């Protein structure tokens, strides 16, 4: 019997549904609750970028995310 609610992104039509998720609310230890967050670029790496999630209320770091992309296109001169 097939599942009633298939997992998104597992079928041929839904591949890549969740490739670029961004958090909008995360738990902040300092504020002791779920708070809106801002995403800040921390570091540019050869294989991607490292982003930090910062609490919008108090400014403390609440998480990190690494974004990997295709390697940069090098054009010969």
PDB file of N, CA and C in Angstrom:
ATOM      1  N   UNK A   1       0.841  -1.176   0.000  1.00  0.00           N
ATOM      2  CA  UNK A   1       0.000   0.000   0.000  1.00  0.00           C
ATOM      3  C   UNK A   1       0.890   1.245   0.000  1.00  0.00           C
ATOM      4  N   UNK A   2       0.749   2.145  -0.971  1.00  0.00           N
ATOM      5  CA  UNK A   2       1.592   3.343  -1.018  1.00  0.00           C
ATOM      6  C   UNK A   2       1.238   4.298   0.118  1.00  0.00           C
ATOM      7  N   UNK A   3       2.211   5.097   0.563  1.00  0.00           N
ATOM      8  CA  UNK A   3       1.922   6.045   1.647  1.00  0.00           C
ATOM      9  C   UNK A   3       0.919   7.094   1.193  1.00  0.00           C
ATOM     10  N   UNK A   4       0.104   7.544   2.144  1.00  0.00           N
ATOM     11  CA  UNK A   4      -0.916   8.543   1.820  1.00  0.00           C
ATOM     12  C   UNK A   4      -0.300   9.886   1.461  1.00  0.00           C
ATOM     13  N   UNK A   5       0.719  10.269   2.209  1.00  0.00           N
ATOM     14  CA  UNK A   5       1.367  11.552   1.991  1.00  0.00           C
ATOM     15  C   UNK A   5       2.840  11.300   1.684  1.00  0.00           C
ATOM     16  N   UNK A   6       3.202  11.203   0.416  1.00  0.00           N
ATOM     17  CA  UNK A   6       4.609  10.940   0.099  1.00  0.00           C
ATOM     18  C   UNK A   6       5.500  12.085   0.568  1.00  0.00           C
ATOM     19  N   UNK A   7       6.724  11.751   0.845  1.00  0.00           N
ATOM     20  CA  UNK A   7       7.697  12.738   1.315  1.00  0.00           C
ATOM     21  C   UNK A   7       8.031  13.687   0.169  1.00  0.00           C
ATOM     22  N   UNK A   8       7.923  15.014   0.380  1.00  0.00           N
ATOM     23  CA  UNK A   8       8.238  15.968  -0.687  1.00  0.00           C
ATOM     24  C   UNK A   8       9.693  15.834  -1.133  1.00  0.00           C
ATOM     25  N   UNK A   9       9.904  15.969  -2.419  1.00  0.00           N
ATOM     26  CA  UNK A   9      11.245  15.917  -2.971  1.00  0.00           C
ATOM     27  C   UNK A   9      11.732  14.534  -3.319  1.00  0.00           C
ATOM     28  N   UNK A  10      10.904  13.484  -3.068  1.00  0.00           N
ATOM     29  CA  UNK A  10      11.364  12.129  -3.344  1.00  0.00           C
ATOM     30  C   UNK A  10      10.884  11.611  -4.686  1.00  0.00           C
ATOM     31  N   UNK A  11       9.836  12.172  -5.220  1.00  0.00           N
ATOM     32  CA  UNK A  11       9.309  11.724  -6.500  1.00  0.00           C
ATOM     33  C   UNK A  11       9.956  12.457  -7.657  1.00  0.00           C
ATOM     34  N   UNK A  12       9.723  11.987  -8.872  1.00  0.00           N
ATOM     35  CA  UNK A  12      10.337  12.633 -10.031  1.00  0.00           C
ATOM     36  C   UNK A  12       9.874  14.074 -10.232  1.00  0.00           C
ATOM     37  N   UNK A  13       8.629  14.381  -9.915  1.00  0.00           N
ATOM     38  CA  UNK A  13       8.131  15.744 -10.117  1.00  0.00           C
ATOM     39  C   UNK A  13       8.591  16.685  -9.014  1.00  0.00           C
ATOM     40  N   UNK A  14       8.910  16.143  -7.834  1.00  0.00           N
ATOM     41  CA  UNK A  14       9.244  16.994  -6.701  1.00  0.00           C
ATOM     42  C   UNK A  14      10.717  17.043  -6.363  1.00  0.00           C
ATOM     43  N   UNK A  15      11.579  16.591  -7.255  1.00  0.00           N
ATOM     44  CA  UNK A  15      13.006  16.611  -6.961  1.00  0.00           C
ATOM     45  C   UNK A  15      13.486  18.046  -6.835  1.00  0.00           C
ATOM     46  N   UNK A  16      14.182  18.320  -5.753  1.00  0.00           N
ATOM     47  CA  UNK A  16      14.733  19.649  -5.544  1.00  0.00           C
ATOM     48  C   UNK A  16      13.770  20.627  -4.898  1.00  0.00           C
ATOM     49  N   UNK A  17      12.684  20.137  -4.321  1.00  0.00           N
ATOM     50  CA  UNK A  17      11.720  21.030  -3.678  1.00  0.00           C
ATOM     51  C   UNK A  17      12.328  21.815  -2.529  1.00  0.00           C
ATOM     52  N   UNK A  18      13.224  21.183  -1.785  1.00  0.00           N
ATOM     53  CA  UNK A  18      13.763  21.809  -0.579  1.00  0.00           C
ATOM     54  C   UNK A  18      15.258  22.052  -0.683  1.00  0.00           C
ATOM     55  N   UNK A  19      15.741  22.447  -1.825  1.00  0.00           N
ATOM     56  CA  UNK A  19      17.173  22.664  -1.981  1.00  0.00           C
ATOM     57  C   UNK A  19      17.640  23.958  -1.332  1.00  0.00           C
ATOM     58  N   UNK A  20      16.793  24.962  -1.238  1.00  0.00           N
ATOM     59  CA  UNK A  20      17.224  26.265  -0.728  1.00  0.00           C
ATOM     60  C   UNK A  20      16.330  26.726   0.412  1.00  0.00           C
ATOM     61  N   UNK A  21      16.400  26.020   1.536  1.00  0.00           N
ATOM     62  CA  UNK A  21      15.613  26.421   2.703  1.00  0.00           C
ATOM     63  C   UNK A  21      16.349  27.491   3.491  1.00  0.00           C
ATOM     64  N   UNK A  22      15.608  28.447   4.007  1.00  0.00           N
ATOM     65  CA  UNK A  22      16.163  29.477   4.880  1.00  0.00           C
ATOM     66  C   UNK A  22      15.280  29.583   6.109  1.00  0.00           C
ATOM     67  N   UNK A  23      15.914  29.658   7.267  1.00  0.00           N
ATOM     68  CA  UNK A  23      15.154  29.782   8.505  1.00  0.00           C
ATOM     69  C   UNK A  23      14.649  31.208   8.673  1.00  0.00           C
ATOM     70  N   UNK A  24      13.453  31.350   9.189  1.00  0.00           N
ATOM     71  CA  UNK A  24      12.926  32.680   9.484  1.00  0.00           C
ATOM     72  C   UNK A  24      12.754  32.873  10.987  1.00  0.00           C
ATOM     73  N   UNK A  25      12.570  31.770  11.721  1.00  0.00           N
ATOM     74  CA  UNK A  25      12.418  31.818  13.176  1.00  0.00           C
ATOM     75  C   UNK A  25      13.204  30.654  13.764  1.00  0.00           C
ATOM     76  N   UNK A  26      14.046  30.945  14.763  1.00  0.00           N
ATOM     77  CA  UNK A  26      14.803  29.909  15.468  1.00  0.00           C
ATOM     78  C   UNK A  26      14.753  30.191  16.969  1.00  0.00           C
ATOM     79  N   UNK A  27      15.067  29.170  17.772  1.00  0.00           N
ATOM     80  CA  UNK A  27      15.082  29.333  19.227  1.00  0.00           C
ATOM     81  C   UNK A  27      16.353  30.062  19.648  1.00  0.00           C
ATOM     82  N   UNK A  28      16.202  31.101  20.455  1.00  0.00           N
ATOM     83  CA  UNK A  28      17.332  31.870  20.970  1.00  0.00           C
ATOM     84  C   UNK A  28      17.515  31.542  22.451  1.00  0.00           C
ATOM     85  N   UNK A  29      18.729  31.095  22.828  1.00  0.00           N
ATOM     86  CA  UNK A  29      19.008  30.760  24.227  1.00  0.00           C
ATOM     87  C   UNK A  29      18.950  31.988  25.129  1.00  0.00           C
ATOM     88  N   UNK A  30      19.428  33.110  24.624  1.00  0.00           N
ATOM     89  CA  UNK A  30      19.462  34.327  25.446  1.00  0.00           C
ATOM     90  C   UNK A  30      18.051  34.867  25.689  1.00  0.00           C
ATOM     91  N   UNK A  31      17.220  34.877  24.649  1.00  0.00           N
ATOM     92  CA  UNK A  31      15.837  35.384  24.783  1.00  0.00           C
ATOM     93  C   UNK A  31      14.896  34.335  25.378  1.00  0.00           C
ATOM     94  N   UNK A  32      15.319  33.081  25.397  1.00  0.00           N
ATOM     95  CA  UNK A  32      14.530  31.958  25.919  1.00  0.00           C
ATOM     96  C   UNK A  32      13.227  31.749  25.155  1.00  0.00           C
ATOM     97  N   UNK A  33      13.289  31.844  23.836  1.00  0.00           N
ATOM     98  CA  UNK A  33      12.097  31.608  23.034  1.00  0.00           C
ATOM     99  C   UNK A  33      12.416  31.657  21.547  1.00  0.00           C
ATOM    100  N   UNK A  34      11.418  31.350  20.740  1.00  0.00           N
ATOM    101  CA  UNK A  34      11.567  31.418  19.288  1.00  0.00           C
ATOM    102  C   UNK A  34      11.523  32.879  18.856  1.00  0.00           C
ATOM    103  N   UNK A  35      12.509  33.288  18.089  1.00  0.00           N
ATOM    104  CA  UNK A  35      12.620  34.679  17.648  1.00  0.00           C
ATOM    105  C   UNK A  35      12.927  34.735  16.159  1.00  0.00           C
ATOM    106  N   UNK A  36      12.523  35.818  15.497  1.00  0.00           N
ATOM    107  CA  UNK A  36      12.908  35.998  14.089  1.00  0.00           C
ATOM    108  C   UNK A  36      14.428  36.124  13.981  1.00  0.00           C
ATOM    109  N   UNK A  37      14.967  35.662  12.865  1.00  0.00           N
ATOM    110  CA  UNK A  37      16.411  35.703  12.666  1.00  0.00           C
ATOM    111  C   UNK A  37      16.767  36.436  11.377  1.00  0.00           C
ATOM    112  N   UNK A  38      17.990  36.958  11.362  1.00  0.00           N
ATOM    113  CA  UNK A  38      18.566  37.542  10.156  1.00  0.00           C
ATOM    114  C   UNK A  38      19.719  36.647   9.733  1.00  0.00           C
ATOM    115  N   UNK A  39      19.914  36.534   8.433  1.00  0.00           N
ATOM    116  CA  UNK A  39      21.005  35.718   7.925  1.00  0.00           C
ATOM    117  C   UNK A  39      22.163  36.630   7.535  1.00  0.00           C
ATOM    118  N   UNK A  40      23.362  36.285   8.005  1.00  0.00           N
ATOM    119  CA  UNK A  40      24.540  37.109   7.757  1.00  0.00           C
ATOM    120  C   UNK A  40      25.628  36.252   7.115  1.00  0.00           C
ATOM    121  N   UNK A  41      26.254  36.758   6.061  1.00  0.00           N
ATOM    122  CA  UNK A  41      27.344  36.045   5.402  1.00  0.00           C
ATOM    123  C   UNK A  41      28.578  36.118   6.289  1.00  0.00           C
ATOM    124  N   UNK A  42      29.104  34.945   6.662  1.00  0.00           N
ATOM    125  CA  UNK A  42      30.280  34.888   7.515  1.00  0.00           C
ATOM    126  C   UNK A  42      31.567  34.746   6.722  1.00  0.00           C
ATOM    127  N   UNK A  43      31.560  33.805   5.767  1.00  0.00           N
ATOM    128  CA  UNK A  43      32.796  33.426   5.103  1.00  0.00           C
ATOM    129  C   UNK A  43      32.497  32.910   3.713  1.00  0.00           C
ATOM    130  N   UNK A  44      33.336  33.265   2.753  1.00  0.00           N
ATOM    131  CA  UNK A  44      33.235  32.720   1.398  1.00  0.00           C
ATOM    132  C   UNK A  44      34.325  31.673   1.269  1.00  0.00           C
ATOM    133  N   UNK A  45      33.925  30.434   1.015  1.00  0.00           N
ATOM    134  CA  UNK A  45      34.836  29.303   0.903  1.00  0.00           C
ATOM    135  C   UNK A  45      34.958  28.868  -0.550  1.00  0.00           C
ATOM    136  N   UNK A  46      35.990  28.099  -0.890  1.00  0.00           N
ATOM    137  CA  UNK A  46      36.126  27.618  -2.270  1.00  0.00           C
ATOM    138  C   UNK A  46      34.941  26.759  -2.727  1.00  0.00           C
ATOM    139  N   UNK A  47      34.312  26.059  -1.792  1.00  0.00           N
ATOM    140  CA  UNK A  47      33.202  25.183  -2.167  1.00  0.00           C
ATOM    141  C   UNK A  47      31.833  25.732  -1.773  1.00  0.00           C
ATOM    142  N   UNK A  48      31.758  26.977  -1.328  1.00  0.00           N
ATOM    143  CA  UNK A  48      30.458  27.551  -0.974  1.00  0.00           C
ATOM    144  C   UNK A  48      30.598  28.746  -0.052  1.00  0.00           C
ATOM    145  N   UNK A  49      29.517  29.054   0.643  1.00  0.00           N
ATOM    146  CA  UNK A  49      29.480  30.194   1.563  1.00  0.00           C
ATOM    147  C   UNK A  49      28.966  29.728   2.915  1.00  0.00           C
ATOM    148  N   UNK A  50      29.492  30.313   3.976  1.00  0.00           N
ATOM    149  CA  UNK A  50      29.049  30.005   5.327  1.00  0.00           C
ATOM    150  C   UNK A  50      28.246  31.195   5.839  1.00  0.00           C
ATOM    151  N   UNK A  51      26.985  30.939   6.203  1.00  0.00           N
ATOM    152  CA  UNK A  51      26.089  31.984   6.696  1.00  0.00           C
ATOM    153  C   UNK A  51      25.793  31.729   8.168  1.00  0.00           C
ATOM    154  N   UNK A  52      25.540  32.808   8.904  1.00  0.00           N
ATOM    155  CA  UNK A  52      25.196  32.719  10.319  1.00  0.00           C
ATOM    156  C   UNK A  52      23.799  33.291  10.520  1.00  0.00           C
ATOM    157  N   UNK A  53      23.002  32.612  11.350  1.00  0.00           N
ATOM    158  CA  UNK A  53      21.695  33.141  11.728  1.00  0.00           C
ATOM    159  C   UNK A  53      21.850  33.894  13.041  1.00  0.00           C
ATOM    160  N   UNK A  54      21.368  35.152  13.060  1.00  0.00           N
ATOM    161  CA  UNK A  54      21.490  36.026  14.227  1.00  0.00           C
ATOM    162  C   UNK A  54      20.091  36.397  14.695  1.00  0.00           C
ATOM    163  N   UNK A  55      19.864  36.331  16.011  1.00  0.00           N
ATOM    164  CA  UNK A  55      18.577  36.699  16.596  1.00  0.00           C
ATOM    165  C   UNK A  55      18.309  38.181  16.314  1.00  0.00           C
ATOM    166  N   UNK A  56      17.126  38.482  15.796  1.00  0.00           N
ATOM    167  CA  UNK A  56      16.775  39.867  15.473  1.00  0.00           C
ATOM    168  C   UNK A  56      16.532  40.699  16.726  1.00  0.00           C
ATOM    169  N   UNK A  57      16.221  40.052  17.852  1.00  0.00           N
ATOM    170  CA  UNK A  57      15.927  40.790  19.078  1.00  0.00           C
ATOM    171  C   UNK A  57      17.193  41.161  19.856  1.00  0.00           C
ATOM    172  N   UNK A  58      18.107  40.193  20.057  1.00  0.00           N
ATOM    173  CA  UNK A  58      19.268  40.461  20.918  1.00  0.00           C
ATOM    174  C   UNK A  58      20.600  40.434  20.177  1.00  0.00           C
ATOM    175  N   UNK A  59      20.633  39.900  18.956  1.00  0.00           N
ATOM    176  CA  UNK A  59      21.859  39.896  18.167  1.00  0.00           C
ATOM    177  C   UNK A  59      22.785  38.722  18.403  1.00  0.00           C
ATOM    178  N   UNK A  60      22.362  37.738  19.206  1.00  0.00           N
ATOM    179  CA  UNK A  60      23.240  36.591  19.453  1.00  0.00           C
ATOM    180  C   UNK A  60      23.129  35.581  18.316  1.00  0.00           C
ATOM    181  N   UNK A  61      24.190  34.806  18.121  1.00  0.00           N
ATOM    182  CA  UNK A  61      24.228  33.794  17.075  1.00  0.00           C
ATOM    183  C   UNK A  61      23.368  32.605  17.485  1.00  0.00           C
ATOM    184  N   UNK A  62      22.475  32.167  16.600  1.00  0.00           N
ATOM    185  CA  UNK A  62      21.586  31.042  16.917  1.00  0.00           C
ATOM    186  C   UNK A  62      21.732  29.873  15.951  1.00  0.00           C
ATOM    187  N   UNK A  63      22.574  29.987  14.923  1.00  0.00           N
ATOM    188  CA  UNK A  63      22.764  28.875  14.000  1.00  0.00           C
ATOM    189  C   UNK A  63      23.624  29.261  12.815  1.00  0.00           C
ATOM    190  N   UNK A  64      24.028  28.236  12.051  1.00  0.00           N
ATOM    191  CA  UNK A  64      24.839  28.432  10.859  1.00  0.00           C
ATOM    192  C   UNK A  64      24.281  27.598   9.719  1.00  0.00           C
ATOM    193  N   UNK A  65      24.627  28.005   8.503  1.00  0.00           N
ATOM    194  CA  UNK A  65      24.185  27.285   7.309  1.00  0.00           C
ATOM    195  C   UNK A  65      25.279  27.407   6.265  1.00  0.00           C
ATOM    196  N   UNK A  66      25.600  26.288   5.616  1.00  0.00           N
ATOM    197  CA  UNK A  66      26.583  26.303   4.537  1.00  0.00           C
ATOM    198  C   UNK A  66      25.845  26.150   3.217  1.00  0.00           C
ATOM    199  N   UNK A  67      26.081  27.087   2.317  1.00  0.00           N
ATOM    200  CA  UNK A  67      25.449  27.066   0.999  1.00  0.00           C
ATOM    201  C   UNK A  67      26.507  26.643   0.001  1.00  0.00           C
ATOM    202  N   UNK A  68      26.284  25.505  -0.634  1.00  0.00           N
ATOM    203  CA  UNK A  68      27.213  25.040  -1.654  1.00  0.00           C
ATOM    204  C   UNK A  68      26.604  25.270  -3.015  1.00  0.00           C
ATOM    205  N   UNK A  69      27.413  25.632  -3.931  1.00  0.00           N
ATOM    206  CA  UNK A  69      26.930  25.896  -5.278  1.00  0.00           C
ATOM    207  C   UNK A  69      27.852  25.279  -6.301  1.00  0.00           C
ATOM    208  N   UNK A  70      27.555  25.541  -7.539  1.00  0.00           N
ATOM    209  CA  UNK A  70      28.396  25.061  -8.618  1.00  0.00           C
ATOM    210  C   UNK A  70      29.736  25.813  -8.553  1.00  0.00           C
ATOM    211  N   UNK A  71      30.809  25.159  -8.940  1.00  0.00           N
ATOM    212  CA  UNK A  71      32.092  25.857  -8.938  1.00  0.00           C
ATOM    213  C   UNK A  71      32.053  27.040  -9.884  1.00  0.00           C
ATOM    214  N   UNK A  72      32.805  28.087  -9.577  1.00  0.00           N
ATOM    215  CA  UNK A  72      32.767  29.270 -10.434  1.00  0.00           C
ATOM    216  C   UNK A  72      33.264  28.954 -11.845  1.00  0.00           C
ATOM    217  N   UNK A  73      32.673  29.606 -12.794  1.00  0.00           N
ATOM    218  CA  UNK A  73      33.028  29.409 -14.196  1.00  0.00           C
ATOM    219  C   UNK A  73      34.274  30.232 -14.494  1.00  0.00           C
ATOM    220  N   UNK A  74      35.316  29.551 -14.932  1.00  0.00           N
ATOM    221  CA  UNK A  74      36.554  30.244 -15.277  1.00  0.00           C
ATOM    222  C   UNK A  74      36.604  30.427 -16.786  1.00  0.00           C
ATOM    223  N   UNK A  75      36.736  31.660 -17.195  1.00  0.00           N
ATOM    224  CA  UNK A  75      36.762  31.974 -18.619  1.00  0.00           C
ATOM    225  C   UNK A  75      38.208  32.257 -19.036  1.00  0.00           C
ATOM    226  N   UNK A  76      38.748  31.485 -19.980  1.00  0.00           N
ATOM    227  CA  UNK A  76      40.132  31.735 -20.403  1.00  0.00           C
ATOM    228  C   UNK A  76      40.229  33.054 -21.168  1.00  0.00           C
ATOM    229  N   UNK A  77      41.357  33.700 -21.012  1.00  0.00           N
ATOM    230  CA  UNK A  77      41.573  34.983 -21.711  1.00  0.00           C
ATOM    231  C   UNK A  77      42.366  34.801 -22.950  1.00  0.00           C
TER     232      UNK A  77
END
